[in-house]
């Protein structure tokens, strides 16, 4: 199942970024939803495979190598086939002005009584 999820993540990425003749790639909500679903399926399949392999008493070297390749390949595909907007990241706070004052500049025409702070 992890291999199917990897293939679908790659197909979804190509659906967004494979454009011709100078067109701009467009991310649709369906692409974001598809990335989220297939990434979740892939992570769950990889975790289940690793757990099943670790719980098997007769572990063999080819199975261990295969699980390691799937984990590394799955992590690489998750990073390389990322669709913008698929992960909700916190937005950075806006920077404050260098002056240290929170009040807007005041232009009262010479009378400082109307300005904040005199």
PDB file of N, CA and C in Angstrom:
ATOM      1  N   UNK A   1       0.811  -1.188   0.000  1.00  0.00           N
ATOM      2  CA  UNK A   1       0.000   0.000   0.000  1.00  0.00           C
ATOM      3  C   UNK A   1       0.864   1.265   0.000  1.00  0.00           C
ATOM      4  N   UNK A   2       2.026   1.190   0.654  1.00  0.00           N
ATOM      5  CA  UNK A   2       2.916   2.355   0.686  1.00  0.00           C
ATOM      6  C   UNK A   2       3.415   2.694  -0.711  1.00  0.00           C
ATOM      7  N   UNK A   3       3.667   1.689  -1.523  1.00  0.00           N
ATOM      8  CA  UNK A   3       4.152   1.929  -2.882  1.00  0.00           C
ATOM      9  C   UNK A   3       3.062   2.587  -3.727  1.00  0.00           C
ATOM     10  N   UNK A   4       1.816   2.184  -3.531  1.00  0.00           N
ATOM     11  CA  UNK A   4       0.692   2.807  -4.239  1.00  0.00           C
ATOM     12  C   UNK A   4       0.548   4.263  -3.808  1.00  0.00           C
ATOM     13  N   UNK A   5       0.683   4.522  -2.514  1.00  0.00           N
ATOM     14  CA  UNK A   5       0.590   5.897  -2.016  1.00  0.00           C
ATOM     15  C   UNK A   5       1.713   6.761  -2.574  1.00  0.00           C
ATOM     16  N   UNK A   6       2.924   6.212  -2.663  1.00  0.00           N
ATOM     17  CA  UNK A   6       4.041   6.961  -3.237  1.00  0.00           C
ATOM     18  C   UNK A   6       3.750   7.309  -4.701  1.00  0.00           C
ATOM     19  N   UNK A   7       3.237   6.352  -5.434  1.00  0.00           N
ATOM     20  CA  UNK A   7       2.888   6.614  -6.833  1.00  0.00           C
ATOM     21  C   UNK A   7       1.808   7.675  -6.974  1.00  0.00           C
ATOM     22  N   UNK A   8       0.807   7.646  -6.110  1.00  0.00           N
ATOM     23  CA  UNK A   8      -0.256   8.645  -6.180  1.00  0.00           C
ATOM     24  C   UNK A   8       0.227  10.028  -5.756  1.00  0.00           C
ATOM     25  N   UNK A   9       1.139  10.102  -4.794  1.00  0.00           N
ATOM     26  CA  UNK A   9       1.707  11.399  -4.421  1.00  0.00           C
ATOM     27  C   UNK A   9       2.507  11.993  -5.574  1.00  0.00           C
ATOM     28  N   UNK A  10       3.264  11.155  -6.275  1.00  0.00           N
ATOM     29  CA  UNK A  10       4.029  11.636  -7.425  1.00  0.00           C
ATOM     30  C   UNK A  10       3.101  12.075  -8.559  1.00  0.00           C
ATOM     31  N   UNK A  11       2.038  11.320  -8.776  1.00  0.00           N
ATOM     32  CA  UNK A  11       1.063  11.683  -9.804  1.00  0.00           C
ATOM     33  C   UNK A  11       0.369  13.003  -9.470  1.00  0.00           C
ATOM     34  N   UNK A  12       0.033  13.211  -8.204  1.00  0.00           N
ATOM     35  CA  UNK A  12      -0.601  14.452  -7.772  1.00  0.00           C
ATOM     36  C   UNK A  12       0.344  15.635  -7.982  1.00  0.00           C
ATOM     37  N   UNK A  13       1.628  15.451  -7.669  1.00  0.00           N
ATOM     38  CA  UNK A  13       2.605  16.516  -7.855  1.00  0.00           C
ATOM     39  C   UNK A  13       2.746  16.863  -9.342  1.00  0.00           C
ATOM     40  N   UNK A  14       2.783  15.837 -10.192  1.00  0.00           N
ATOM     41  CA  UNK A  14       2.868  16.082 -11.633  1.00  0.00           C
ATOM     42  C   UNK A  14       1.615  16.771 -12.153  1.00  0.00           C
ATOM     43  N   UNK A  15       0.454  16.455 -11.568  1.00  0.00           N
ATOM     44  CA  UNK A  15      -0.788  17.101 -11.968  1.00  0.00           C
ATOM     45  C   UNK A  15      -0.727  18.605 -11.737  1.00  0.00           C
ATOM     46  N   UNK A  16      -0.025  19.026 -10.708  1.00  0.00           N
ATOM     47  CA  UNK A  16       0.092  20.456 -10.410  1.00  0.00           C
ATOM     48  C   UNK A  16       1.202  21.100 -11.234  1.00  0.00           C
ATOM     49  N   UNK A  17       2.372  20.486 -11.281  1.00  0.00           N
ATOM     50  CA  UNK A  17       3.553  21.160 -11.807  1.00  0.00           C
ATOM     51  C   UNK A  17       3.936  20.806 -13.243  1.00  0.00           C
ATOM     52  N   UNK A  18       3.284  19.869 -13.871  1.00  0.00           N
ATOM     53  CA  UNK A  18       3.597  19.552 -15.263  1.00  0.00           C
ATOM     54  C   UNK A  18       2.755  20.458 -16.168  1.00  0.00           C
ATOM     55  N   UNK A  19       3.335  21.587 -16.551  1.00  0.00           N
ATOM     56  CA  UNK A  19       2.648  22.566 -17.398  1.00  0.00           C
ATOM     57  C   UNK A  19       3.511  22.820 -18.636  1.00  0.00           C
ATOM     58  N   UNK A  20       2.857  23.264 -19.687  1.00  0.00           N
ATOM     59  CA  UNK A  20       3.546  23.490 -20.951  1.00  0.00           C
ATOM     60  C   UNK A  20       3.336  24.917 -21.439  1.00  0.00           C
ATOM     61  N   UNK A  21       4.254  25.379 -22.260  1.00  0.00           N
ATOM     62  CA  UNK A  21       4.160  26.645 -22.973  1.00  0.00           C
ATOM     63  C   UNK A  21       4.013  27.845 -22.042  1.00  0.00           C
ATOM     64  N   UNK A  22       4.763  27.872 -20.936  1.00  0.00           N
ATOM     65  CA  UNK A  22       4.813  29.035 -20.073  1.00  0.00           C
ATOM     66  C   UNK A  22       3.637  29.214 -19.130  1.00  0.00           C
ATOM     67  N   UNK A  23       2.764  28.242 -19.020  1.00  0.00           N
ATOM     68  CA  UNK A  23       1.649  28.365 -18.085  1.00  0.00           C
ATOM     69  C   UNK A  23       2.168  28.318 -16.652  1.00  0.00           C
ATOM     70  N   UNK A  24       1.432  28.933 -15.754  1.00  0.00           N
ATOM     71  CA  UNK A  24       1.781  28.909 -14.341  1.00  0.00           C
ATOM     72  C   UNK A  24       1.077  27.732 -13.669  1.00  0.00           C
ATOM     73  N   UNK A  25       1.777  27.006 -12.786  1.00  0.00           N
ATOM     74  CA  UNK A  25       1.114  25.901 -12.087  1.00  0.00           C
ATOM     75  C   UNK A  25       0.037  26.440 -11.143  1.00  0.00           C
ATOM     76  N   UNK A  26      -1.082  25.734 -11.112  1.00  0.00           N
ATOM     77  CA  UNK A  26      -2.196  26.132 -10.257  1.00  0.00           C
ATOM     78  C   UNK A  26      -2.511  24.993  -9.295  1.00  0.00           C
ATOM     79  N   UNK A  27      -2.542  25.339  -8.018  1.00  0.00           N
ATOM     80  CA  UNK A  27      -2.860  24.359  -6.989  1.00  0.00           C
ATOM     81  C   UNK A  27      -4.361  24.429  -6.718  1.00  0.00           C
ATOM     82  N   UNK A  28      -5.051  23.353  -6.983  1.00  0.00           N
ATOM     83  CA  UNK A  28      -6.489  23.268  -6.731  1.00  0.00           C
ATOM     84  C   UNK A  28      -6.735  22.676  -5.343  1.00  0.00           C
ATOM     85  N   UNK A  29      -7.882  22.955  -4.745  1.00  0.00           N
ATOM     86  CA  UNK A  29      -8.188  22.338  -3.449  1.00  0.00           C
ATOM     87  C   UNK A  29      -8.179  20.806  -3.505  1.00  0.00           C
ATOM     88  N   UNK A  30      -8.512  20.242  -4.657  1.00  0.00           N
ATOM     89  CA  UNK A  30      -8.490  18.786  -4.781  1.00  0.00           C
ATOM     90  C   UNK A  30      -7.055  18.244  -4.695  1.00  0.00           C
ATOM     91  N   UNK A  31      -6.068  19.026  -5.179  1.00  0.00           N
ATOM     92  CA  UNK A  31      -4.675  18.605  -5.065  1.00  0.00           C
ATOM     93  C   UNK A  31      -4.212  18.608  -3.618  1.00  0.00           C
ATOM     94  N   UNK A  32      -4.634  19.613  -2.857  1.00  0.00           N
ATOM     95  CA  UNK A  32      -4.279  19.686  -1.443  1.00  0.00           C
ATOM     96  C   UNK A  32      -4.905  18.528  -0.682  1.00  0.00           C
ATOM     97  N   UNK A  33      -6.181  18.262  -0.942  1.00  0.00           N
ATOM     98  CA  UNK A  33      -6.869  17.158  -0.269  1.00  0.00           C
ATOM     99  C   UNK A  33      -6.245  15.817  -0.639  1.00  0.00           C
ATOM    100  N   UNK A  34      -5.899  15.653  -1.906  1.00  0.00           N
ATOM    101  CA  UNK A  34      -5.273  14.411  -2.347  1.00  0.00           C
ATOM    102  C   UNK A  34      -3.923  14.208  -1.670  1.00  0.00           C
ATOM    103  N   UNK A  35      -3.128  15.271  -1.547  1.00  0.00           N
ATOM    104  CA  UNK A  35      -1.836  15.157  -0.864  1.00  0.00           C
ATOM    105  C   UNK A  35      -2.037  14.731   0.585  1.00  0.00           C
ATOM    106  N   UNK A  36      -2.977  15.355   1.268  1.00  0.00           N
ATOM    107  CA  UNK A  36      -3.211  15.035   2.673  1.00  0.00           C
ATOM    108  C   UNK A  36      -3.653  13.576   2.848  1.00  0.00           C
ATOM    109  N   UNK A  37      -4.548  13.118   1.987  1.00  0.00           N
ATOM    110  CA  UNK A  37      -5.065  11.743   2.104  1.00  0.00           C
ATOM    111  C   UNK A  37      -3.959  10.731   1.817  1.00  0.00           C
ATOM    112  N   UNK A  38      -3.241  10.899   0.700  1.00  0.00           N
ATOM    113  CA  UNK A  38      -2.222   9.918   0.321  1.00  0.00           C
ATOM    114  C   UNK A  38      -1.007   9.965   1.238  1.00  0.00           C
ATOM    115  N   UNK A  39      -0.678  11.147   1.765  1.00  0.00           N
ATOM    116  CA  UNK A  39       0.427  11.223   2.724  1.00  0.00           C
ATOM    117  C   UNK A  39       0.069  10.485   4.008  1.00  0.00           C
ATOM    118  N   UNK A  40      -1.170  10.638   4.464  1.00  0.00           N
ATOM    119  CA  UNK A  40      -1.607   9.924   5.665  1.00  0.00           C
ATOM    120  C   UNK A  40      -1.605   8.420   5.440  1.00  0.00           C
ATOM    121  N   UNK A  41      -2.111   7.985   4.291  1.00  0.00           N
ATOM    122  CA  UNK A  41      -2.127   6.555   3.975  1.00  0.00           C
ATOM    123  C   UNK A  41      -0.706   6.016   3.913  1.00  0.00           C
ATOM    124  N   UNK A  42       0.206   6.773   3.300  1.00  0.00           N
ATOM    125  CA  UNK A  42       1.577   6.303   3.185  1.00  0.00           C
ATOM    126  C   UNK A  42       2.251   6.189   4.551  1.00  0.00           C
ATOM    127  N   UNK A  43       2.076   7.195   5.395  1.00  0.00           N
ATOM    128  CA  UNK A  43       2.694   7.145   6.725  1.00  0.00           C
ATOM    129  C   UNK A  43       2.131   5.969   7.527  1.00  0.00           C
ATOM    130  N   UNK A  44       0.823   5.775   7.491  1.00  0.00           N
ATOM    131  CA  UNK A  44       0.224   4.654   8.228  1.00  0.00           C
ATOM    132  C   UNK A  44       0.700   3.310   7.685  1.00  0.00           C
ATOM    133  N   UNK A  45       0.812   3.190   6.358  1.00  0.00           N
ATOM    134  CA  UNK A  45       1.274   1.940   5.764  1.00  0.00           C
ATOM    135  C   UNK A  45       2.733   1.665   6.125  1.00  0.00           C
ATOM    136  N   UNK A  46       3.560   2.702   6.120  1.00  0.00           N
ATOM    137  CA  UNK A  46       4.963   2.510   6.478  1.00  0.00           C
ATOM    138  C   UNK A  46       5.124   2.137   7.942  1.00  0.00           C
ATOM    139  N   UNK A  47       4.364   2.790   8.817  1.00  0.00           N
ATOM    140  CA  UNK A  47       4.432   2.458  10.248  1.00  0.00           C
ATOM    141  C   UNK A  47       3.944   1.036  10.485  1.00  0.00           C
ATOM    142  N   UNK A  48       2.860   0.640   9.829  1.00  0.00           N
ATOM    143  CA  UNK A  48       2.346  -0.726   9.983  1.00  0.00           C
ATOM    144  C   UNK A  48       3.355  -1.749   9.465  1.00  0.00           C
ATOM    145  N   UNK A  49       3.998  -1.463   8.354  1.00  0.00           N
ATOM    146  CA  UNK A  49       5.007  -2.375   7.811  1.00  0.00           C
ATOM    147  C   UNK A  49       6.209  -2.526   8.721  1.00  0.00           C
ATOM    148  N   UNK A  50       6.669  -1.417   9.276  1.00  0.00           N
ATOM    149  CA  UNK A  50       7.819  -1.472  10.184  1.00  0.00           C
ATOM    150  C   UNK A  50       7.449  -2.241  11.454  1.00  0.00           C
ATOM    151  N   UNK A  51       6.269  -1.977  12.003  1.00  0.00           N
ATOM    152  CA  UNK A  51       5.842  -2.705  13.208  1.00  0.00           C
ATOM    153  C   UNK A  51       5.690  -4.201  12.944  1.00  0.00           C
ATOM    154  N   UNK A  52       5.102  -4.556  11.816  1.00  0.00           N
ATOM    155  CA  UNK A  52       4.959  -5.970  11.479  1.00  0.00           C
ATOM    156  C   UNK A  52       6.320  -6.625  11.294  1.00  0.00           C
ATOM    157  N   UNK A  53       7.253  -5.884  10.707  1.00  0.00           N
ATOM    158  CA  UNK A  53       8.598  -6.431  10.516  1.00  0.00           C
ATOM    159  C   UNK A  53       9.318  -6.608  11.855  1.00  0.00           C
ATOM    160  N   UNK A  54       9.156  -5.631  12.755  1.00  0.00           N
ATOM    161  CA  UNK A  54       9.823  -5.730  14.052  1.00  0.00           C
ATOM    162  C   UNK A  54       9.222  -6.824  14.937  1.00  0.00           C
ATOM    163  N   UNK A  55       7.931  -7.090  14.785  1.00  0.00           N
ATOM    164  CA  UNK A  55       7.272  -8.119  15.596  1.00  0.00           C
ATOM    165  C   UNK A  55       7.470  -9.520  15.034  1.00  0.00           C
ATOM    166  N   UNK A  56       7.999  -9.640  13.835  1.00  0.00           N
ATOM    167  CA  UNK A  56       8.247 -10.936  13.230  1.00  0.00           C
ATOM    168  C   UNK A  56       9.527 -11.521  13.836  1.00  0.00           C
ATOM    169  N   UNK A  57       9.442 -12.721  14.351  1.00  0.00           N
ATOM    170  CA  UNK A  57      10.604 -13.357  14.984  1.00  0.00           C
ATOM    171  C   UNK A  57      11.650 -13.794  13.962  1.00  0.00           C
ATOM    172  N   UNK A  58      11.213 -14.093  12.767  1.00  0.00           N
ATOM    173  CA  UNK A  58      12.145 -14.571  11.743  1.00  0.00           C
ATOM    174  C   UNK A  58      12.478 -13.441  10.764  1.00  0.00           C
ATOM    175  N   UNK A  59      13.012 -12.369  11.278  1.00  0.00           N
ATOM    176  CA  UNK A  59      13.410 -11.245  10.428  1.00  0.00           C
ATOM    177  C   UNK A  59      14.588 -11.648   9.568  1.00  0.00           C
ATOM    178  N   UNK A  60      14.549 -11.236   8.343  1.00  0.00           N
ATOM    179  CA  UNK A  60      15.634 -11.528   7.422  1.00  0.00           C
ATOM    180  C   UNK A  60      16.210 -10.209   6.896  1.00  0.00           C
ATOM    181  N   UNK A  61      17.436 -10.273   6.445  1.00  0.00           N
ATOM    182  CA  UNK A  61      18.130  -9.080   5.965  1.00  0.00           C
ATOM    183  C   UNK A  61      17.427  -8.419   4.774  1.00  0.00           C
ATOM    184  N   UNK A  62      16.941  -9.153   3.776  1.00  0.00           N
ATOM    185  CA  UNK A  62      16.259  -8.478   2.654  1.00  0.00           C
ATOM    186  C   UNK A  62      15.017  -7.691   3.103  1.00  0.00           C
ATOM    187  N   UNK A  63      14.276  -8.227   4.078  1.00  0.00           N
ATOM    188  CA  UNK A  63      13.105  -7.508   4.586  1.00  0.00           C
ATOM    189  C   UNK A  63      13.483  -6.231   5.306  1.00  0.00           C
ATOM    190  N   UNK A  64      14.574  -6.271   6.054  1.00  0.00           N
ATOM    191  CA  UNK A  64      15.049  -5.083   6.761  1.00  0.00           C
ATOM    192  C   UNK A  64      15.517  -4.016   5.774  1.00  0.00           C
ATOM    193  N   UNK A  65      16.230  -4.445   4.735  1.00  0.00           N
ATOM    194  CA  UNK A  65      16.691  -3.504   3.710  1.00  0.00           C
ATOM    195  C   UNK A  65      15.493  -2.893   2.987  1.00  0.00           C
ATOM    196  N   UNK A  66      14.497  -3.711   2.669  1.00  0.00           N
ATOM    197  CA  UNK A  66      13.296  -3.213   1.981  1.00  0.00           C
ATOM    198  C   UNK A  66      12.555  -2.193   2.846  1.00  0.00           C
ATOM    199  N   UNK A  67      12.406  -2.466   4.130  1.00  0.00           N
ATOM    200  CA  UNK A  67      11.723  -1.521   5.018  1.00  0.00           C
ATOM    201  C   UNK A  67      12.506  -0.212   5.127  1.00  0.00           C
ATOM    202  N   UNK A  68      13.819  -0.301   5.216  1.00  0.00           N
ATOM    203  CA  UNK A  68      14.639   0.910   5.296  1.00  0.00           C
ATOM    204  C   UNK A  68      14.513   1.732   4.015  1.00  0.00           C
ATOM    205  N   UNK A  69      14.534   1.061   2.853  1.00  0.00           N
ATOM    206  CA  UNK A  69      14.375   1.770   1.583  1.00  0.00           C
ATOM    207  C   UNK A  69      13.006   2.433   1.485  1.00  0.00           C
ATOM    208  N   UNK A  70      11.969   1.749   1.933  1.00  0.00           N
ATOM    209  CA  UNK A  70      10.632   2.339   1.908  1.00  0.00           C
ATOM    210  C   UNK A  70      10.544   3.560   2.824  1.00  0.00           C
ATOM    211  N   UNK A  71      11.141   3.476   4.001  1.00  0.00           N
ATOM    212  CA  UNK A  71      11.103   4.619   4.915  1.00  0.00           C
ATOM    213  C   UNK A  71      11.838   5.828   4.334  1.00  0.00           C
ATOM    214  N   UNK A  72      13.024   5.618   3.816  1.00  0.00           N
ATOM    215  CA  UNK A  72      13.802   6.725   3.247  1.00  0.00           C
ATOM    216  C   UNK A  72      13.109   7.279   1.999  1.00  0.00           C
ATOM    217  N   UNK A  73      12.650   6.378   1.144  1.00  0.00           N
ATOM    218  CA  UNK A  73      11.953   6.814  -0.067  1.00  0.00           C
ATOM    219  C   UNK A  73      10.650   7.529   0.242  1.00  0.00           C
ATOM    220  N   UNK A  74       9.913   7.031   1.228  1.00  0.00           N
ATOM    221  CA  UNK A  74       8.658   7.678   1.613  1.00  0.00           C
ATOM    222  C   UNK A  74       8.882   9.070   2.172  1.00  0.00           C
ATOM    223  N   UNK A  75       9.897   9.214   3.006  1.00  0.00           N
ATOM    224  CA  UNK A  75      10.203  10.539   3.557  1.00  0.00           C
ATOM    225  C   UNK A  75      10.625  11.501   2.446  1.00  0.00           C
ATOM    226  N   UNK A  76      11.419  11.009   1.506  1.00  0.00           N
ATOM    227  CA  UNK A  76      11.857  11.859   0.396  1.00  0.00           C
ATOM    228  C   UNK A  76      10.674  12.278  -0.474  1.00  0.00           C
ATOM    229  N   UNK A  77       9.756  11.361  -0.743  1.00  0.00           N
ATOM    230  CA  UNK A  77       8.590  11.684  -1.562  1.00  0.00           C
ATOM    231  C   UNK A  77       7.699  12.684  -0.851  1.00  0.00           C
ATOM    232  N   UNK A  78       7.527  12.536   0.467  1.00  0.00           N
ATOM    233  CA  UNK A  78       6.716  13.504   1.210  1.00  0.00           C
ATOM    234  C   UNK A  78       7.281  14.911   1.091  1.00  0.00           C
ATOM    235  N   UNK A  79       8.587  15.029   1.119  1.00  0.00           N
ATOM    236  CA  UNK A  79       9.216  16.351   1.031  1.00  0.00           C
ATOM    237  C   UNK A  79       9.231  16.859  -0.407  1.00  0.00           C
ATOM    238  N   UNK A  80       9.618  16.017  -1.346  1.00  0.00           N
ATOM    239  CA  UNK A  80       9.761  16.454  -2.734  1.00  0.00           C
ATOM    240  C   UNK A  80       8.428  16.706  -3.422  1.00  0.00           C
ATOM    241  N   UNK A  81       7.395  15.967  -3.067  1.00  0.00           N
ATOM    242  CA  UNK A  81       6.093  16.103  -3.716  1.00  0.00           C
ATOM    243  C   UNK A  81       5.123  16.943  -2.891  1.00  0.00           C
ATOM    244  N   UNK A  82       5.655  17.815  -2.050  1.00  0.00           N
ATOM    245  CA  UNK A  82       4.806  18.662  -1.213  1.00  0.00           C
ATOM    246  C   UNK A  82       4.001  19.628  -2.083  1.00  0.00           C
ATOM    247  N   UNK A  83       2.729  19.771  -1.742  1.00  0.00           N
ATOM    248  CA  UNK A  83       1.846  20.709  -2.430  1.00  0.00           C
ATOM    249  C   UNK A  83       1.647  21.908  -1.507  1.00  0.00           C
ATOM    250  N   UNK A  84       1.924  23.132  -1.967  1.00  0.00           N
ATOM    251  CA  UNK A  84       1.767  24.306  -1.100  1.00  0.00           C
ATOM    252  C   UNK A  84       0.343  24.413  -0.554  1.00  0.00           C
ATOM    253  N   UNK A  85       0.242  24.631   0.745  1.00  0.00           N
ATOM    254  CA  UNK A  85      -1.053  24.752   1.398  1.00  0.00           C
ATOM    255  C   UNK A  85      -1.529  23.467   2.028  1.00  0.00           C
ATOM    256  N   UNK A  86      -0.803  22.370   1.834  1.00  0.00           N
ATOM    257  CA  UNK A  86      -1.248  21.093   2.376  1.00  0.00           C
ATOM    258  C   UNK A  86      -1.032  20.995   3.876  1.00  0.00           C
ATOM    259  N   UNK A  87      -0.057  21.723   4.386  1.00  0.00           N
ATOM    260  CA  UNK A  87       0.226  21.727   5.821  1.00  0.00           C
ATOM    261  C   UNK A  87      -0.026  23.138   6.330  1.00  0.00           C
ATOM    262  N   UNK A  88      -0.877  23.257   7.343  1.00  0.00           N
ATOM    263  CA  UNK A  88      -1.191  24.564   7.901  1.00  0.00           C
ATOM    264  C   UNK A  88      -0.082  24.981   8.858  1.00  0.00           C
ATOM    265  N   UNK A  89       0.721  25.936   8.424  1.00  0.00           N
ATOM    266  CA  UNK A  89       1.807  26.446   9.251  1.00  0.00           C
ATOM    267  C   UNK A  89       1.392  27.780   9.862  1.00  0.00           C
ATOM    268  N   UNK A  90       1.839  28.059  11.089  1.00  0.00           N
ATOM    269  CA  UNK A  90       1.493  29.352  11.684  1.00  0.00           C
ATOM    270  C   UNK A  90       2.168  30.490  10.923  1.00  0.00           C
ATOM    271  N   UNK A  91       1.430  31.581  10.764  1.00  0.00           N
ATOM    272  CA  UNK A  91       1.983  32.722  10.051  1.00  0.00           C
ATOM    273  C   UNK A  91       2.850  33.542  10.997  1.00  0.00           C
ATOM    274  N   UNK A  92       3.959  34.072  10.496  1.00  0.00           N
ATOM    275  CA  UNK A  92       4.821  34.878  11.366  1.00  0.00           C
ATOM    276  C   UNK A  92       4.126  36.180  11.749  1.00  0.00           C
ATOM    277  N   UNK A  93       4.460  36.662  12.939  1.00  0.00           N
ATOM    278  CA  UNK A  93       3.887  37.917  13.393  1.00  0.00           C
ATOM    279  C   UNK A  93       4.506  39.072  12.621  1.00  0.00           C
ATOM    280  N   UNK A  94       3.708  40.116  12.341  1.00  0.00           N
ATOM    281  CA  UNK A  94       4.281  41.254  11.622  1.00  0.00           C
ATOM    282  C   UNK A  94       5.316  41.974  12.480  1.00  0.00           C
ATOM    283  N   UNK A  95       6.318  42.508  11.811  1.00  0.00           N
ATOM    284  CA  UNK A  95       7.376  43.202  12.524  1.00  0.00           C
ATOM    285  C   UNK A  95       6.886  44.573  12.976  1.00  0.00           C
ATOM    286  N   UNK A  96       7.361  44.983  14.147  1.00  0.00           N
ATOM    287  CA  UNK A  96       7.015  46.306  14.660  1.00  0.00           C
ATOM    288  C   UNK A  96       7.978  47.334  14.082  1.00  0.00           C
ATOM    289  N   UNK A  97       7.563  48.583  14.142  1.00  0.00           N
ATOM    290  CA  UNK A  97       8.413  49.659  13.647  1.00  0.00           C
ATOM    291  C   UNK A  97       9.640  49.802  14.535  1.00  0.00           C
ATOM    292  N   UNK A  98      10.706  50.335  13.957  1.00  0.00           N
ATOM    293  CA  UNK A  98      11.962  50.461  14.671  1.00  0.00           C
ATOM    294  C   UNK A  98      11.904  51.489  15.790  1.00  0.00           C
ATOM    295  N   UNK A  99      11.013  52.464  15.725  1.00  0.00           N
ATOM    296  CA  UNK A  99      10.970  53.530  16.713  1.00  0.00           C
ATOM    297  C   UNK A  99      10.546  53.065  18.093  1.00  0.00           C
ATOM    298  N   UNK A 100       9.876  51.984  18.202  1.00  0.00           N
ATOM    299  CA  UNK A 100       9.444  51.473  19.485  1.00  0.00           C
ATOM    300  C   UNK A 100       8.106  52.029  19.928  1.00  0.00           C
ATOM    301  N   UNK A 101       7.537  52.965  19.189  1.00  0.00           N
ATOM    302  CA  UNK A 101       6.249  53.543  19.544  1.00  0.00           C
ATOM    303  C   UNK A 101       5.146  52.771  18.839  1.00  0.00           C
ATOM    304  N   UNK A 102       4.055  52.549  19.538  1.00  0.00           N
ATOM    305  CA  UNK A 102       2.935  51.838  18.939  1.00  0.00           C
ATOM    306  C   UNK A 102       1.938  52.767  18.283  1.00  0.00           C
ATOM    307  N   UNK A 103       2.053  54.084  18.527  1.00  0.00           N
ATOM    308  CA  UNK A 103       1.092  55.039  17.980  1.00  0.00           C
ATOM    309  C   UNK A 103       1.500  55.431  16.566  1.00  0.00           C
ATOM    310  N   UNK A 104       0.519  55.714  15.719  1.00  0.00           N
ATOM    311  CA  UNK A 104       0.856  56.156  14.365  1.00  0.00           C
ATOM    312  C   UNK A 104       1.445  57.561  14.399  1.00  0.00           C
ATOM    313  N   UNK A 105       2.185  57.951  13.357  1.00  0.00           N
ATOM    314  CA  UNK A 105       2.734  59.297  13.336  1.00  0.00           C
ATOM    315  C   UNK A 105       1.604  60.333  13.275  1.00  0.00           C
ATOM    316  N   UNK A 106       1.825  61.472  13.922  1.00  0.00           N
ATOM    317  CA  UNK A 106       0.804  62.497  13.997  1.00  0.00           C
ATOM    318  C   UNK A 106       1.316  63.770  13.336  1.00  0.00           C
ATOM    319  N   UNK A 107       0.486  64.325  12.493  1.00  0.00           N
ATOM    320  CA  UNK A 107       0.801  65.584  11.833  1.00  0.00           C
ATOM    321  C   UNK A 107      -0.320  66.555  12.175  1.00  0.00           C
ATOM    322  N   UNK A 108      -0.145  67.290  13.269  1.00  0.00           N
ATOM    323  CA  UNK A 108      -1.229  68.151  13.749  1.00  0.00           C
ATOM    324  C   UNK A 108      -1.081  69.590  13.279  1.00  0.00           C
ATOM    325  N   UNK A 109      -0.087  69.869  12.499  1.00  0.00           N
ATOM    326  CA  UNK A 109       0.067  71.237  12.020  1.00  0.00           C
ATOM    327  C   UNK A 109       0.744  72.135  13.035  1.00  0.00           C
ATOM    328  N   UNK A 110       1.556  71.596  13.899  1.00  0.00           N
ATOM    329  CA  UNK A 110       2.291  72.409  14.846  1.00  0.00           C
ATOM    330  C   UNK A 110       1.778  72.314  16.270  1.00  0.00           C
ATOM    331  N   UNK A 111       0.560  71.828  16.497  1.00  0.00           N
ATOM    332  CA  UNK A 111      -0.001  71.708  17.827  1.00  0.00           C
ATOM    333  C   UNK A 111       0.125  70.265  18.278  1.00  0.00           C
ATOM    334  N   UNK A 112       0.891  70.024  19.320  1.00  0.00           N
ATOM    335  CA  UNK A 112       1.136  68.667  19.774  1.00  0.00           C
ATOM    336  C   UNK A 112       0.070  68.151  20.726  1.00  0.00           C
ATOM    337  N   UNK A 113      -0.969  68.936  21.038  1.00  0.00           N
ATOM    338  CA  UNK A 113      -2.002  68.490  21.949  1.00  0.00           C
ATOM    339  C   UNK A 113      -2.845  67.357  21.354  1.00  0.00           C
ATOM    340  N   UNK A 114      -2.943  67.313  20.038  1.00  0.00           N
ATOM    341  CA  UNK A 114      -3.763  66.287  19.386  1.00  0.00           C
ATOM    342  C   UNK A 114      -2.998  64.964  19.206  1.00  0.00           C
ATOM    343  N   UNK A 115      -1.683  64.988  19.313  1.00  0.00           N
ATOM    344  CA  UNK A 115      -0.879  63.780  19.103  1.00  0.00           C
ATOM    345  C   UNK A 115      -0.765  62.968  20.387  1.00  0.00           C
ATOM    346  N   UNK A 116      -0.630  61.677  20.212  1.00  0.00           N
ATOM    347  CA  UNK A 116      -0.473  60.774  21.356  1.00  0.00           C
ATOM    348  C   UNK A 116       0.900  61.027  21.962  1.00  0.00           C
ATOM    349  N   UNK A 117       0.959  61.228  23.268  1.00  0.00           N
ATOM    350  CA  UNK A 117       2.226  61.434  23.963  1.00  0.00           C
ATOM    351  C   UNK A 117       2.715  62.879  23.956  1.00  0.00           C
ATOM    352  N   UNK A 118       1.905  63.814  23.487  1.00  0.00           N
ATOM    353  CA  UNK A 118       2.264  65.227  23.561  1.00  0.00           C
ATOM    354  C   UNK A 118       2.857  65.658  22.327  1.00  0.00           C
TER     355      UNK A 118
END
